[in-house]
Structures are given as structure tokens and as C-alpha cells.
Amino acid sequence: MEPNQKINCTVSSCKYNNGDKELCMLEAIHVAPMEDVDTETADESMCASYRYDEQ
């Protein structure tokens, strides 16, 4: 059975963001460090699934 994911998101410039509900419309996201180093704090990571919404 697949897990039921809910990904909250307020990044309005991302094409996967549903701005009305502040939810990511992807089934899963990839979170990656901002640099190719081991991270020690959460603010060193980012959503690597982000895509700019050109509309």
C-alpha cells in the first residue's frame, strides 16, 4: 500500500504548488543539500523538485 502523502508548500513560484491550498501537487519530492557536503542543520537543505512556473 502506498503512503498517503501531504506536502505543504507556500512557494508560489513553483509550478507544482497549488496556491489556493498551499500544497505541492507532486506525489513525492526530492530534498537535497544546497552544497555537496554533509548537512548538520535543516536550513542547509532545499526542495530539489522545484521547477519555476513560467506562467
C-alpha atoms as a PDB file:
ATOM      1  CA  MET A   1       0.000   0.000   0.000  1.00  0.00           C
ATOM      2  CA  GLU A   2       1.363   3.423  -0.963  1.00  0.00           C
ATOM      3  CA  PRO A   3       1.614   6.024   1.817  1.00  0.00           C
ATOM      4  CA  ASN A   4      -0.806   8.937   1.666  1.00  0.00           C
ATOM      5  CA  GLN A   5       1.462  11.985   1.400  1.00  0.00           C
ATOM      6  CA  LYS A   6       0.525  15.598   2.068  1.00  0.00           C
ATOM      7  CA  ILE A   7       3.278  18.063   1.217  1.00  0.00           C
ATOM      8  CA  ASN A   8       2.605  21.591   2.461  1.00  0.00           C
ATOM      9  CA  CYS A   9       4.189  24.308   0.318  1.00  0.00           C
ATOM     10  CA  THR A  10       3.989  28.102   0.203  1.00  0.00           C
ATOM     11  CA  VAL A  11       6.488  28.613  -2.654  1.00  0.00           C
ATOM     12  CA  SER A  12       4.162  30.334  -5.120  1.00  0.00           C
ATOM     13  CA  SER A  13       6.790  30.489  -7.887  1.00  0.00           C
ATOM     14  CA  CYS A  14       6.933  26.662  -8.145  1.00  0.00           C
ATOM     15  CA  LYS A  15       4.885  25.128 -10.963  1.00  0.00           C
ATOM     16  CA  TYR A  16       3.875  22.216  -8.687  1.00  0.00           C
ATOM     17  CA  ASN A  17       2.377  24.470  -5.988  1.00  0.00           C
ATOM     18  CA  ASN A  18      -1.401  24.679  -5.605  1.00  0.00           C
ATOM     19  CA  GLY A  19      -1.544  28.230  -4.289  1.00  0.00           C
ATOM     20  CA  ASP A  20      -5.185  28.009  -3.204  1.00  0.00           C
ATOM     21  CA  LYS A  21      -4.476  25.084  -0.878  1.00  0.00           C
ATOM     22  CA  GLU A  22      -0.732  25.737  -0.305  1.00  0.00           C
ATOM     23  CA  LEU A  23       0.048  22.138  -1.263  1.00  0.00           C
ATOM     24  CA  CYS A  24       2.632  20.517  -3.517  1.00  0.00           C
ATOM     25  CA  MET A  25       0.898  18.569  -6.284  1.00  0.00           C
ATOM     26  CA  LEU A  26       3.758  16.050  -6.687  1.00  0.00           C
ATOM     27  CA  GLU A  27       3.350  12.565  -5.205  1.00  0.00           C
ATOM     28  CA  ALA A  28       6.872  12.842  -3.775  1.00  0.00           C
ATOM     29  CA  ILE A  29       9.642  15.432  -3.575  1.00  0.00           C
ATOM     30  CA  HIS A  30      13.417  15.167  -3.515  1.00  0.00           C
ATOM     31  CA  VAL A  31      15.159  17.070  -0.719  1.00  0.00           C
ATOM     32  CA  ALA A  32      18.868  17.726  -1.244  1.00  0.00           C
ATOM     33  CA  PRO A  33      21.655  19.663   0.468  1.00  0.00           C
ATOM     34  CA  MET A  34      22.365  23.084  -1.042  1.00  0.00           C
ATOM     35  CA  GLU A  35      26.010  22.081  -1.469  1.00  0.00           C
ATOM     36  CA  ASP A  36      27.659  18.693  -1.943  1.00  0.00           C
ATOM     37  CA  VAL A  37      28.531  18.354   1.746  1.00  0.00           C
ATOM     38  CA  ASP A  38      27.022  16.602   4.740  1.00  0.00           C
ATOM     39  CA  THR A  39      24.381  18.822   6.315  1.00  0.00           C
ATOM     40  CA  GLU A  40      24.098  19.426  10.034  1.00  0.00           C
ATOM     41  CA  THR A  41      21.103  21.782  10.075  1.00  0.00           C
ATOM     42  CA  ALA A  42      17.757  21.793   8.252  1.00  0.00           C
ATOM     43  CA  ASP A  43      18.337  25.201   6.649  1.00  0.00           C
ATOM     44  CA  GLU A  44      21.164  23.674   4.594  1.00  0.00           C
ATOM     45  CA  SER A  45      18.636  21.635   2.583  1.00  0.00           C
ATOM     46  CA  MET A  46      16.155  22.568  -0.124  1.00  0.00           C
ATOM     47  CA  CYS A  47      13.471  21.067  -2.350  1.00  0.00           C
ATOM     48  CA  ALA A  48      15.342  19.737  -5.374  1.00  0.00           C
ATOM     49  CA  SER A  49      11.994  19.027  -7.111  1.00  0.00           C
ATOM     50  CA  TYR A  50      11.316  22.773  -7.501  1.00  0.00           C
ATOM     51  CA  ARG A  51      10.551  23.981 -11.018  1.00  0.00           C
ATOM     52  CA  TYR A  52       9.884  27.633 -11.866  1.00  0.00           C
ATOM     53  CA  ASP A  53       6.337  28.344 -13.060  1.00  0.00           C
ATOM     54  CA  GLU A  54       6.727  30.477 -16.184  1.00  0.00           C
ATOM     55  CA  GLN A  55       3.018  31.394 -16.331  1.00  0.00           C
END
